[in-house]
């Protein structure tokens, strides 16, 4: 999760929007839960929203430290949330964190297959291919492209979270949604990679 969070932080707004969605899902669906501290969540959401605004405007960047800290905090929070609410399928928590975790796993497999050195920069992530596609197709400035790309990816994640909230007790359905997410991710990756290679 920590490394995956750092990977998706290669695009302004992507990491912050993702965790904003995660915490909003918790707040709106489990706000009456005695183990959920609403004041903590509201304050965290305010801080993340302000940080997101400055991040999208290009004034501040999360960087390695910011991505590691936010991902570590989120992992610990969601582990405690799962522990205190054992009636909820643990696969719901996995689904809330599927994107950064799968981004890391997929990148590791891809780099191993391509025999890419792990210490070299990696510019072949899905969000970078989508970014390049929008950059080529539309005459937007850089901040708008970052905003658009992160919004597209997180709109999909929001849809997944909204669907998953209806199956928090059903591990089978949640596993099915996770598998579907992986299929969608790989399909999108292949599509945008081919577009990028054809254009270059």
Protein backbone atom coordinates (compact mmCIF):
# COMPACT_ATOMS: atom_id res chain seq x y z
CA UNK A 1 0.00 0.00 0.00
CA UNK A 2 2.77 2.45 0.93
CA UNK A 3 4.78 1.81 -2.24
CA UNK A 4 1.63 1.71 -4.36
CA UNK A 5 0.59 5.07 -2.93
CA UNK A 6 3.94 6.48 -3.95
CA UNK A 7 3.50 5.06 -7.47
CA UNK A 8 0.12 6.71 -8.07
CA UNK A 9 1.43 9.99 -6.66
CA UNK A 10 3.17 10.52 -10.01
CA UNK A 11 0.15 12.60 -11.01
CA UNK A 12 -1.03 15.67 -9.08
CA UNK A 13 -4.31 15.00 -7.28
CA UNK A 14 -4.52 11.27 -7.94
CA UNK A 15 -3.38 10.05 -4.52
CA UNK A 16 -5.16 12.77 -2.54
CA UNK A 17 -8.45 12.33 -4.39
CA UNK A 18 -8.26 8.57 -3.91
CA UNK A 19 -7.89 8.77 -0.14
CA UNK A 20 -10.50 11.53 0.05
CA UNK A 21 -12.93 9.08 -1.56
CA UNK A 22 -11.95 6.31 0.87
CA UNK A 23 -12.52 8.51 3.93
CA UNK A 24 -15.74 9.97 2.52
CA UNK A 25 -17.08 6.44 2.01
CA UNK A 26 -16.27 5.63 5.65
CA UNK A 27 -17.78 8.88 6.96
CA UNK A 28 -21.03 8.76 5.00
CA UNK A 29 -21.71 5.06 5.39
CA UNK A 30 -20.35 4.39 8.88
CA UNK A 31 -20.67 7.80 10.54
CA UNK A 32 -23.04 6.42 13.18
CA UNK A 33 -20.63 3.59 14.02
CA UNK A 34 -19.31 3.96 17.62
CA UNK A 35 -15.81 3.04 16.41
CA UNK A 36 -15.73 5.82 13.84
CA UNK A 37 -14.52 9.20 15.11
CA UNK A 38 -16.44 11.67 12.95
CA UNK A 39 -14.48 14.69 14.19
CA UNK A 40 -11.20 13.04 13.23
CA UNK A 41 -12.51 12.15 9.76
CA UNK A 42 -13.97 15.60 9.12
CA UNK A 43 -10.73 17.32 10.18
CA UNK A 44 -8.70 14.91 8.04
CA UNK A 45 -10.97 15.52 5.04
CA UNK A 46 -10.57 19.30 5.45
CA UNK A 47 -6.78 18.99 5.59
CA UNK A 48 -6.70 16.67 2.56
CA UNK A 49 -9.04 18.98 0.60
CA UNK A 50 -6.87 22.04 1.26
CA UNK A 51 -3.74 20.07 0.37
CA UNK A 52 -5.45 18.83 -2.81
CA UNK A 53 -6.29 22.37 -3.89
CA UNK A 54 -2.67 23.52 -3.59
CA UNK A 55 -1.47 20.26 -5.15
CA UNK A 56 -3.68 20.69 -8.23
CA UNK A 57 -2.55 24.30 -8.59
CA UNK A 58 1.06 23.09 -8.59
CA UNK A 59 2.09 24.95 -5.44
CA UNK A 60 2.91 21.89 -3.34
CA UNK A 61 3.66 18.23 -4.04
CA UNK A 62 3.11 15.20 -1.88
CA UNK A 63 6.54 13.76 -2.63
CA UNK A 64 7.77 10.46 -1.22
CA UNK A 65 7.32 11.53 2.40
CA UNK A 66 3.76 12.76 1.89
CA UNK A 67 2.71 9.67 -0.07
CA UNK A 68 4.31 7.31 2.47
CA UNK A 69 2.78 9.13 5.44
CA UNK A 70 -0.75 9.29 4.00
CA UNK A 71 -0.67 5.67 2.84
CA UNK A 72 0.68 4.43 6.19
CA UNK A 73 -1.94 6.42 8.10
CA UNK A 74 -4.70 5.10 5.83
CA UNK A 75 -3.50 1.50 6.12
CA UNK A 76 -3.39 1.64 9.92
CA UNK A 77 -6.78 3.39 10.08
CA UNK A 78 -8.47 0.81 7.85
CA UNK A 79 -6.88 -2.15 9.66
CA UNK A 80 -8.30 -0.79 12.94
CA UNK A 81 -11.63 -0.12 11.26
CA UNK A 82 -11.78 -3.72 10.03
CA UNK A 83 -10.72 -5.08 13.43
CA UNK A 84 -13.43 -3.12 15.24
CA UNK A 85 -16.12 -4.03 12.71
CA UNK A 86 -15.57 -7.73 12.13
CA UNK A 87 -19.11 -8.12 10.77
CA UNK A 88 -17.88 -6.33 7.62
CA UNK A 89 -16.07 -8.55 5.13
CA UNK A 90 -12.30 -7.86 5.16
CA UNK A 91 -12.52 -7.87 1.36
CA UNK A 92 -14.34 -4.55 1.62
CA UNK A 93 -11.17 -3.04 3.08
CA UNK A 94 -9.10 -4.74 0.39
CA UNK A 95 -11.40 -3.25 -2.22
CA UNK A 96 -11.02 0.24 -0.73
CA UNK A 97 -7.27 -0.12 -1.22
CA UNK A 98 -7.25 -2.17 -4.42
CA UNK A 99 -5.95 0.53 -6.79
CA UNK A 100 -2.60 1.52 -5.21
CA UNK A 101 -1.95 -2.10 -4.20
CA UNK A 102 -2.65 -3.49 -7.66
CA UNK A 103 -0.68 -0.66 -9.26
CA UNK A 104 2.35 -1.85 -7.30
CA UNK A 105 1.79 -5.56 -8.05
CA UNK A 106 1.18 -4.94 -11.74
CA UNK A 107 4.23 -2.68 -12.01
CA UNK A 108 6.45 -5.27 -10.32
CA UNK A 109 5.26 -8.03 -12.67
CA UNK A 110 5.55 -5.75 -15.71
CA UNK A 111 9.07 -4.63 -14.85
CA UNK A 112 10.17 -8.19 -14.15
CA UNK A 113 8.72 -9.36 -17.47
CA UNK A 114 10.34 -6.46 -19.35
CA UNK A 115 13.62 -6.93 -17.44
CA UNK A 116 13.52 -3.28 -16.39
CA UNK A 117 15.90 -2.20 -13.64
CA UNK A 118 13.90 -1.50 -10.49
CA UNK A 119 16.02 1.52 -9.56
CA UNK A 120 15.32 3.30 -12.87
CA UNK A 121 12.38 5.73 -13.23
CA UNK A 122 9.17 4.13 -14.46
CA UNK A 123 7.04 6.13 -16.88
CA UNK A 124 4.78 3.26 -17.94
CA UNK A 125 2.03 3.48 -15.33
CA UNK A 126 -1.61 3.54 -16.43
CA UNK A 127 -2.14 7.09 -15.18
CA UNK A 128 0.82 8.28 -17.27
CA UNK A 129 -0.60 6.72 -20.43
CA UNK A 130 -4.00 8.34 -19.78
CA UNK A 131 -2.23 11.65 -19.07
CA UNK A 132 -0.36 11.44 -22.40
CA UNK A 133 -3.57 10.56 -24.24
CA UNK A 134 -5.41 13.62 -22.85
CA UNK A 135 -2.37 15.81 -23.50
CA UNK A 136 -2.31 14.79 -27.14
CA UNK A 137 -6.06 14.92 -27.76
CA UNK A 138 -6.85 18.20 -25.99
CA UNK A 139 -5.07 21.51 -25.84
CA UNK A 140 -5.18 21.87 -22.06
CA UNK A 141 -2.54 23.32 -19.77
CA UNK A 142 -0.62 20.93 -17.54
CA UNK A 143 -2.65 21.53 -14.36
CA UNK A 144 -5.91 20.84 -16.21
CA UNK A 145 -4.49 17.59 -17.63
CA UNK A 146 -3.47 16.47 -14.14
CA UNK A 147 -6.94 17.34 -12.84
CA UNK A 148 -8.71 15.59 -15.74
CA UNK A 149 -6.65 12.40 -15.53
CA UNK A 150 -6.97 12.05 -11.77
CA UNK A 151 -10.72 12.76 -12.01
CA UNK A 152 -11.26 10.08 -14.68
CA UNK A 153 -9.44 7.42 -12.66
CA UNK A 154 -11.07 8.33 -9.36
CA UNK A 155 -14.55 8.61 -10.89
CA UNK A 156 -14.20 4.96 -11.77
CA UNK A 157 -13.00 4.18 -8.23
CA UNK A 158 -15.92 6.12 -6.74
CA UNK A 159 -18.34 4.06 -8.83
CA UNK A 160 -16.68 0.86 -7.59
CA UNK A 161 -16.90 2.02 -3.96
CA UNK A 162 -20.59 2.93 -4.30
CA UNK A 163 -21.36 -0.51 -5.74
CA UNK A 164 -19.24 -2.29 -3.12
CA UNK A 165 -20.94 -0.56 -0.19
CA UNK A 166 -24.04 -2.62 -1.00
CA UNK A 167 -22.12 -5.87 -0.49
CA UNK A 168 -20.08 -5.21 2.66
CA UNK A 169 -21.18 -8.54 4.14
CA UNK A 170 -20.62 -10.63 1.01
CA UNK A 171 -17.01 -11.68 0.50
CA UNK A 172 -17.91 -13.50 -2.73
CA UNK A 173 -19.39 -10.38 -4.33
CA UNK A 174 -16.49 -8.21 -3.16
CA UNK A 175 -13.96 -10.68 -4.57
CA UNK A 176 -15.87 -10.62 -7.85
CA UNK A 177 -15.72 -6.80 -7.91
CA UNK A 178 -11.97 -6.87 -7.19
CA UNK A 179 -11.42 -9.34 -10.05
CA UNK A 180 -13.53 -7.13 -12.33
CA UNK A 181 -11.40 -4.11 -11.32
CA UNK A 182 -8.25 -5.99 -12.25
CA UNK A 183 -9.75 -6.89 -15.64
CA UNK A 184 -10.76 -3.26 -16.27
CA UNK A 185 -7.32 -2.01 -15.20
CA UNK A 186 -5.42 -4.42 -17.48
CA UNK A 187 -7.78 -3.73 -20.41
CA UNK A 188 -7.38 0.03 -19.97
CA UNK A 189 -3.61 -0.37 -19.64
CA UNK A 190 -3.36 -2.34 -22.90
CA UNK A 191 -5.62 0.13 -24.73
CA UNK A 192 -3.81 3.30 -23.64
CA UNK A 193 -0.37 1.74 -24.03
CA UNK A 194 -1.15 0.85 -27.65
CA UNK A 195 -2.44 4.38 -28.25
CA UNK A 196 0.76 5.81 -26.77
CA UNK A 197 3.04 3.53 -28.78
CA UNK A 198 1.14 4.19 -32.01
CA UNK A 199 1.36 7.95 -31.50
CA UNK A 200 5.08 7.77 -30.81
